[in-house]
Amino acid sequence: MTLKQSRGFTLLESIVALVILSTSCVAIYSWLSTSLDGLRRVDDTVTIKLITDDLGAYFRTVTIENETEETLTLNGYQVDWMARLVEPKQLGRHPMGTSSNFILGLYQIDAIVSKDNREVGQFKTRTVSFKNRSNE
């Protein structure tokens, strides 16, 4: 009986094993890349929600008298915002139709949220600016 006992792998078996291994690695890398992108988008969405809440509170404390631009940093994110007058400023009115002591203006506020020079999201809102006309 002259059976030749095989020792180790042949070249063909090694190539097949490397092809299977490399295909598996490419599939795993693609899956991880997709998962990390999805995780980043979810993190950005949660962060945008927190930042929009903070911006809403911020704009309630700011009196905008002119069209303006500003850059803020909130939670490590850069927020560039710009306010522009939507309706001309006018004298306010009481519910009974009489003039009030306030001059009112309606402003559109556009904000862009970014981190590391990558835009994460946008925020738009409107706010009313008021000024006591006796202070003029």
N, C-alpha and C. Protein backbone atom coordinates (compact mmCIF):
# COMPACT_ATOMS: atom_id res chain seq x y z
N MET A 1 0.84 -1.15 0.00
CA MET A 1 0.00 0.00 0.00
C MET A 1 0.90 1.24 0.00
N THR A 2 0.82 1.95 -1.05
CA THR A 2 1.69 3.12 -1.19
C THR A 2 0.86 4.40 -1.17
N LEU A 3 0.31 4.65 -0.10
CA LEU A 3 -0.45 5.91 0.05
C LEU A 3 0.50 6.98 0.52
N LYS A 4 0.43 8.03 -0.19
CA LYS A 4 1.27 9.16 0.18
C LYS A 4 0.51 9.99 1.21
N GLN A 5 1.09 10.16 2.34
CA GLN A 5 0.43 10.91 3.41
C GLN A 5 0.68 12.39 3.17
N SER A 6 -0.41 13.16 3.18
CA SER A 6 -0.32 14.59 2.88
C SER A 6 0.11 15.34 4.13
N ARG A 7 1.01 16.28 3.95
CA ARG A 7 1.47 17.12 5.04
C ARG A 7 1.22 18.58 4.65
N GLY A 8 0.43 19.32 5.43
CA GLY A 8 0.19 20.74 5.16
C GLY A 8 -0.83 20.96 4.05
N PHE A 9 -0.90 22.20 3.61
CA PHE A 9 -1.86 22.60 2.59
C PHE A 9 -1.17 22.74 1.25
N THR A 10 -1.94 22.54 0.21
CA THR A 10 -1.41 22.81 -1.12
C THR A 10 -1.59 24.29 -1.42
N LEU A 11 -0.98 24.75 -2.47
CA LEU A 11 -1.08 26.15 -2.86
C LEU A 11 -2.52 26.52 -3.19
N LEU A 12 -3.23 25.66 -3.86
CA LEU A 12 -4.62 25.92 -4.22
C LEU A 12 -5.49 26.06 -2.98
N GLU A 13 -5.30 25.20 -2.02
CA GLU A 13 -6.08 25.29 -0.76
C GLU A 13 -5.76 26.60 -0.03
N SER A 14 -4.54 27.02 -0.03
CA SER A 14 -4.16 28.28 0.62
C SER A 14 -4.81 29.47 -0.07
N ILE A 15 -4.83 29.47 -1.40
CA ILE A 15 -5.46 30.57 -2.15
C ILE A 15 -6.95 30.62 -1.87
N VAL A 16 -7.62 29.49 -1.86
CA VAL A 16 -9.06 29.44 -1.57
C VAL A 16 -9.32 29.96 -0.16
N ALA A 17 -8.51 29.56 0.79
CA ALA A 17 -8.68 30.04 2.16
C ALA A 17 -8.49 31.55 2.25
N LEU A 18 -7.49 32.11 1.56
CA LEU A 18 -7.26 33.56 1.56
C LEU A 18 -8.41 34.31 0.90
N VAL A 19 -8.99 33.76 -0.18
CA VAL A 19 -10.13 34.41 -0.84
C VAL A 19 -11.33 34.45 0.10
N ILE A 20 -11.59 33.36 0.78
CA ILE A 20 -12.71 33.31 1.73
C ILE A 20 -12.46 34.29 2.87
N LEU A 21 -11.24 34.33 3.39
CA LEU A 21 -10.91 35.25 4.48
C LEU A 21 -11.05 36.71 4.04
N SER A 22 -10.53 37.05 2.88
CA SER A 22 -10.60 38.44 2.42
C SER A 22 -12.04 38.86 2.13
N THR A 23 -12.84 37.98 1.57
CA THR A 23 -14.25 38.29 1.32
C THR A 23 -14.99 38.53 2.63
N SER A 24 -14.70 37.72 3.63
CA SER A 24 -15.31 37.90 4.95
C SER A 24 -14.88 39.23 5.57
N CYS A 25 -13.60 39.57 5.44
CA CYS A 25 -13.12 40.84 6.00
C CYS A 25 -13.77 42.04 5.32
N VAL A 26 -13.93 41.98 4.00
CA VAL A 26 -14.58 43.08 3.28
C VAL A 26 -16.03 43.22 3.73
N ALA A 27 -16.73 42.12 3.89
CA ALA A 27 -18.13 42.15 4.32
C ALA A 27 -18.25 42.72 5.74
N ILE A 28 -17.36 42.31 6.63
CA ILE A 28 -17.39 42.81 8.01
C ILE A 28 -17.06 44.30 8.05
N TYR A 29 -16.08 44.73 7.27
CA TYR A 29 -15.72 46.15 7.21
C TYR A 29 -16.90 46.98 6.70
N SER A 30 -17.56 46.50 5.65
CA SER A 30 -18.71 47.22 5.10
C SER A 30 -19.82 47.31 6.14
N TRP A 31 -20.09 46.25 6.85
CA TRP A 31 -21.12 46.24 7.88
C TRP A 31 -20.77 47.21 9.01
N LEU A 32 -19.51 47.20 9.46
CA LEU A 32 -19.09 48.11 10.53
C LEU A 32 -19.16 49.57 10.08
N SER A 33 -18.75 49.84 8.84
CA SER A 33 -18.79 51.20 8.33
C SER A 33 -20.22 51.72 8.28
N THR A 34 -21.13 50.90 7.79
CA THR A 34 -22.54 51.27 7.73
C THR A 34 -23.11 51.49 9.14
N SER A 35 -22.75 50.62 10.06
CA SER A 35 -23.23 50.75 11.43
C SER A 35 -22.71 52.02 12.09
N LEU A 36 -21.44 52.34 11.89
CA LEU A 36 -20.86 53.55 12.47
C LEU A 36 -21.47 54.81 11.87
N ASP A 37 -21.75 54.81 10.56
CA ASP A 37 -22.41 55.95 9.94
C ASP A 37 -23.82 56.14 10.51
N GLY A 38 -24.53 55.05 10.69
CA GLY A 38 -25.87 55.13 11.28
C GLY A 38 -25.82 55.64 12.71
N LEU A 39 -24.84 55.17 13.47
CA LEU A 39 -24.68 55.62 14.85
C LEU A 39 -24.35 57.11 14.90
N ARG A 40 -23.51 57.58 13.99
CA ARG A 40 -23.17 59.01 13.93
C ARG A 40 -24.39 59.85 13.60
N ARG A 41 -25.22 59.36 12.64
CA ARG A 41 -26.44 60.10 12.29
C ARG A 41 -27.41 60.16 13.46
N VAL A 42 -27.55 59.08 14.20
CA VAL A 42 -28.42 59.07 15.38
C VAL A 42 -27.89 60.04 16.43
N ASP A 43 -26.58 60.02 16.64
CA ASP A 43 -25.97 60.93 17.60
C ASP A 43 -26.19 62.38 17.18
N ASP A 44 -26.03 62.68 15.88
CA ASP A 44 -26.26 64.03 15.38
C ASP A 44 -27.72 64.45 15.56
N THR A 45 -28.65 63.53 15.33
CA THR A 45 -30.07 63.84 15.49
C THR A 45 -30.40 64.18 16.93
N VAL A 46 -29.88 63.40 17.87
CA VAL A 46 -30.11 63.67 19.28
C VAL A 46 -29.47 65.01 19.68
N THR A 47 -28.27 65.26 19.19
CA THR A 47 -27.58 66.51 19.49
C THR A 47 -28.33 67.70 18.92
N ILE A 48 -28.84 67.57 17.69
CA ILE A 48 -29.60 68.66 17.08
C ILE A 48 -30.83 68.97 17.92
N LYS A 49 -31.49 67.95 18.44
CA LYS A 49 -32.66 68.18 19.30
C LYS A 49 -32.27 68.97 20.53
N LEU A 50 -31.18 68.59 21.18
CA LEU A 50 -30.73 69.31 22.36
C LEU A 50 -30.32 70.74 22.02
N ILE A 51 -29.64 70.92 20.91
CA ILE A 51 -29.19 72.25 20.51
C ILE A 51 -30.38 73.13 20.12
N THR A 52 -31.39 72.58 19.45
CA THR A 52 -32.56 73.39 19.10
C THR A 52 -33.31 73.81 20.36
N ASP A 53 -33.36 72.95 21.36
CA ASP A 53 -33.97 73.36 22.64
C ASP A 53 -33.18 74.50 23.26
N ASP A 54 -31.84 74.38 23.25
CA ASP A 54 -31.00 75.45 23.80
C ASP A 54 -31.14 76.75 23.00
N LEU A 55 -31.23 76.62 21.66
CA LEU A 55 -31.39 77.81 20.82
C LEU A 55 -32.74 78.48 21.05
N GLY A 56 -33.78 77.67 21.24
CA GLY A 56 -35.08 78.24 21.53
C GLY A 56 -35.05 79.07 22.81
N ALA A 57 -34.39 78.53 23.84
CA ALA A 57 -34.26 79.27 25.10
C ALA A 57 -33.39 80.51 24.90
N TYR A 58 -32.33 80.39 24.12
CA TYR A 58 -31.44 81.52 23.87
C TYR A 58 -32.17 82.66 23.16
N PHE A 59 -32.96 82.32 22.13
CA PHE A 59 -33.65 83.36 21.37
C PHE A 59 -34.79 84.00 22.16
N ARG A 60 -35.27 83.34 23.20
CA ARG A 60 -36.26 83.97 24.07
C ARG A 60 -35.62 85.02 24.97
N THR A 61 -34.30 84.92 25.16
CA THR A 61 -33.61 85.88 26.03
C THR A 61 -32.95 87.02 25.26
N VAL A 62 -32.87 86.89 23.94
CA VAL A 62 -32.20 87.90 23.12
C VAL A 62 -33.24 88.81 22.48
N THR A 63 -32.99 90.10 22.53
CA THR A 63 -33.84 91.05 21.81
C THR A 63 -33.11 91.45 20.54
N ILE A 64 -33.70 91.07 19.43
CA ILE A 64 -33.09 91.36 18.14
C ILE A 64 -33.68 92.67 17.63
N GLU A 65 -32.85 93.67 17.49
CA GLU A 65 -33.33 94.97 17.02
C GLU A 65 -32.98 95.21 15.56
N ASN A 66 -31.95 94.59 15.08
CA ASN A 66 -31.52 94.77 13.69
C ASN A 66 -31.24 93.39 13.10
N GLU A 67 -31.15 93.35 11.77
CA GLU A 67 -30.73 92.11 11.15
C GLU A 67 -29.30 91.85 11.60
N THR A 68 -29.05 90.66 12.04
CA THR A 68 -27.75 90.39 12.65
C THR A 68 -27.29 88.97 12.36
N GLU A 69 -26.01 88.75 12.55
CA GLU A 69 -25.40 87.43 12.43
C GLU A 69 -24.54 87.20 13.65
N GLU A 70 -24.45 85.94 14.06
CA GLU A 70 -23.62 85.62 15.22
C GLU A 70 -23.21 84.16 15.16
N THR A 71 -22.12 83.85 15.82
CA THR A 71 -21.65 82.47 15.94
C THR A 71 -21.57 82.13 17.43
N LEU A 72 -22.18 80.99 17.78
CA LEU A 72 -22.18 80.50 19.16
C LEU A 72 -21.53 79.13 19.21
N THR A 73 -21.12 78.73 20.40
CA THR A 73 -20.68 77.36 20.62
C THR A 73 -21.57 76.75 21.69
N LEU A 74 -22.29 75.69 21.32
CA LEU A 74 -23.18 75.00 22.25
C LEU A 74 -22.82 73.52 22.27
N ASN A 75 -22.49 73.00 23.43
CA ASN A 75 -22.17 71.58 23.61
C ASN A 75 -21.09 71.10 22.64
N GLY A 76 -20.12 71.95 22.34
CA GLY A 76 -19.04 71.58 21.45
C GLY A 76 -19.38 71.72 19.97
N TYR A 77 -20.58 72.19 19.65
CA TYR A 77 -21.00 72.38 18.27
C TYR A 77 -21.01 73.87 17.96
N GLN A 78 -20.65 74.22 16.75
CA GLN A 78 -20.65 75.62 16.32
C GLN A 78 -22.01 75.92 15.69
N VAL A 79 -22.63 76.99 16.13
CA VAL A 79 -23.93 77.41 15.61
C VAL A 79 -23.77 78.79 14.98
N ASP A 80 -23.96 78.87 13.68
CA ASP A 80 -23.94 80.15 12.96
C ASP A 80 -25.39 80.53 12.69
N TRP A 81 -25.82 81.66 13.23
CA TRP A 81 -27.20 82.06 13.00
C TRP A 81 -27.28 83.47 12.43
N MET A 82 -28.37 83.69 11.70
CA MET A 82 -28.60 84.97 11.07
C MET A 82 -30.08 85.30 11.22
N ALA A 83 -30.37 86.53 11.61
CA ALA A 83 -31.75 87.00 11.74
C ALA A 83 -32.02 88.04 10.67
N ARG A 84 -33.18 87.92 10.02
CA ARG A 84 -33.56 88.93 9.03
C ARG A 84 -35.01 89.32 9.27
N LEU A 85 -35.30 90.57 9.04
CA LEU A 85 -36.63 91.12 9.26
C LEU A 85 -37.58 90.58 8.20
N VAL A 86 -38.70 90.00 8.64
CA VAL A 86 -39.68 89.43 7.73
C VAL A 86 -40.80 90.44 7.47
N GLU A 87 -41.29 91.05 8.52
CA GLU A 87 -42.33 92.07 8.44
C GLU A 87 -41.73 93.39 8.89
N PRO A 88 -42.11 94.49 8.27
CA PRO A 88 -41.57 95.78 8.71
C PRO A 88 -41.95 96.06 10.16
N LYS A 89 -41.08 96.77 10.84
CA LYS A 89 -41.36 97.13 12.23
C LYS A 89 -42.59 98.03 12.25
N GLN A 90 -43.42 97.81 13.26
CA GLN A 90 -44.64 98.60 13.37
C GLN A 90 -45.03 98.78 14.82
N LEU A 91 -45.89 99.72 15.04
CA LEU A 91 -46.38 100.02 16.37
C LEU A 91 -47.36 98.93 16.78
N GLY A 92 -47.17 98.40 17.99
CA GLY A 92 -48.07 97.36 18.48
C GLY A 92 -49.46 97.90 18.79
N ARG A 93 -50.41 96.99 18.86
CA ARG A 93 -51.80 97.34 19.15
C ARG A 93 -52.33 96.48 20.28
N HIS A 94 -53.13 97.10 21.13
CA HIS A 94 -53.83 96.37 22.17
C HIS A 94 -55.00 95.63 21.54
N PRO A 95 -55.56 94.64 22.25
CA PRO A 95 -56.71 93.91 21.69
C PRO A 95 -57.90 94.83 21.35
N MET A 96 -58.01 95.96 22.03
CA MET A 96 -59.12 96.88 21.76
C MET A 96 -58.82 97.79 20.56
N GLY A 97 -57.62 97.70 19.98
CA GLY A 97 -57.29 98.47 18.80
C GLY A 97 -56.48 99.73 19.07
N THR A 98 -56.24 100.04 20.32
CA THR A 98 -55.46 101.24 20.63
C THR A 98 -53.97 100.93 20.50
N SER A 99 -53.18 101.97 20.30
CA SER A 99 -51.73 101.80 20.14
C SER A 99 -51.09 101.44 21.47
N SER A 100 -50.08 100.61 21.39
CA SER A 100 -49.33 100.25 22.59
C SER A 100 -48.05 101.07 22.63
N ASN A 101 -47.25 100.83 23.64
CA ASN A 101 -45.97 101.55 23.78
C ASN A 101 -44.81 100.79 23.15
N PHE A 102 -45.09 99.75 22.39
CA PHE A 102 -44.03 98.91 21.86
C PHE A 102 -43.99 98.94 20.34
N ILE A 103 -42.77 98.91 19.82
CA ILE A 103 -42.54 98.75 18.39
C ILE A 103 -42.15 97.28 18.18
N LEU A 104 -42.86 96.62 17.29
CA LEU A 104 -42.69 95.18 17.07
C LEU A 104 -42.07 94.90 15.71
N GLY A 105 -41.28 93.85 15.65
CA GLY A 105 -40.71 93.39 14.39
C GLY A 105 -40.68 91.87 14.38
N LEU A 106 -41.02 91.25 13.25
CA LEU A 106 -40.99 89.80 13.12
C LEU A 106 -39.72 89.41 12.37
N TYR A 107 -38.93 88.52 12.97
CA TYR A 107 -37.64 88.11 12.39
C TYR A 107 -37.63 86.61 12.10
N GLN A 108 -37.04 86.27 10.97
CA GLN A 108 -36.76 84.87 10.61
C GLN A 108 -35.33 84.58 11.05
N ILE A 109 -35.15 83.51 11.81
CA ILE A 109 -33.80 83.14 12.26
C ILE A 109 -33.43 81.81 11.62
N ASP A 110 -32.31 81.82 10.90
CA ASP A 110 -31.77 80.61 10.27
C ASP A 110 -30.46 80.27 10.95
N ALA A 111 -30.35 79.04 11.42
CA ALA A 111 -29.13 78.60 12.10
C ALA A 111 -28.59 77.35 11.42
N ILE A 112 -27.27 77.28 11.32
CA ILE A 112 -26.59 76.10 10.79
C ILE A 112 -25.69 75.56 11.90
N VAL A 113 -25.86 74.29 12.22
CA VAL A 113 -25.09 73.64 13.27
C VAL A 113 -24.02 72.78 12.60
N SER A 114 -22.76 72.96 13.06
CA SER A 114 -21.66 72.19 12.48
C SER A 114 -20.68 71.78 13.56
N LYS A 115 -19.92 70.75 13.23
CA LYS A 115 -18.86 70.28 14.12
C LYS A 115 -17.72 69.80 13.25
N ASP A 116 -16.52 70.27 13.55
CA ASP A 116 -15.33 69.88 12.80
C ASP A 116 -15.51 70.14 11.30
N ASN A 117 -16.05 71.32 10.95
CA ASN A 117 -16.29 71.74 9.57
C ASN A 117 -17.23 70.81 8.81
N ARG A 118 -18.11 70.10 9.53
CA ARG A 118 -19.11 69.22 8.92
C ARG A 118 -20.47 69.69 9.38
N GLU A 119 -21.34 70.04 8.42
CA GLU A 119 -22.68 70.49 8.79
C GLU A 119 -23.48 69.33 9.36
N VAL A 120 -24.01 69.54 10.56
CA VAL A 120 -24.78 68.50 11.24
C VAL A 120 -26.27 68.69 11.00
N GLY A 121 -26.72 69.93 10.95
CA GLY A 121 -28.14 70.18 10.73
C GLY A 121 -28.44 71.65 10.66
N GLN A 122 -29.73 71.95 10.44
CA GLN A 122 -30.18 73.33 10.35
C GLN A 122 -31.37 73.54 11.26
N PHE A 123 -31.59 74.79 11.61
CA PHE A 123 -32.67 75.17 12.53
C PHE A 123 -33.26 76.47 12.01
N LYS A 124 -34.59 76.53 11.92
CA LYS A 124 -35.26 77.76 11.49
C LYS A 124 -36.38 78.05 12.47
N THR A 125 -36.51 79.32 12.80
CA THR A 125 -37.60 79.75 13.67
C THR A 125 -37.90 81.21 13.40
N ARG A 126 -38.99 81.65 13.94
CA ARG A 126 -39.34 83.08 13.87
C ARG A 126 -39.51 83.59 15.28
N THR A 127 -39.15 84.84 15.46
CA THR A 127 -39.29 85.46 16.78
C THR A 127 -39.72 86.91 16.61
N VAL A 128 -40.40 87.40 17.62
CA VAL A 128 -40.84 88.79 17.62
C VAL A 128 -39.90 89.60 18.48
N SER A 129 -39.45 90.70 17.93
CA SER A 129 -38.62 91.63 18.68
C SER A 129 -39.50 92.80 19.09
N PHE A 130 -39.35 93.24 20.32
CA PHE A 130 -40.14 94.38 20.77
C PHE A 130 -39.24 95.36 21.48
N LYS A 131 -39.59 96.62 21.35
CA LYS A 131 -38.80 97.69 21.94
C LYS A 131 -39.78 98.75 22.44
N ASN A 132 -39.56 99.23 23.62
CA ASN A 132 -40.40 100.26 24.19
C ASN A 132 -40.13 101.56 23.44
N ARG A 133 -41.16 102.15 22.85
CA ARG A 133 -40.93 103.33 22.02
C ARG A 133 -40.58 104.56 22.87
N SER A 134 -40.84 104.51 24.18
CA SER A 134 -40.47 105.64 25.02
C SER A 134 -38.96 105.67 25.27
N ASN A 135 -38.26 104.57 24.93
CA ASN A 135 -36.79 104.52 25.09
C ASN A 135 -36.08 105.07 23.88
N GLU A 136 -36.81 105.48 22.86
CA GLU A 136 -36.15 105.98 21.64
C GLU A 136 -35.65 107.37 21.81
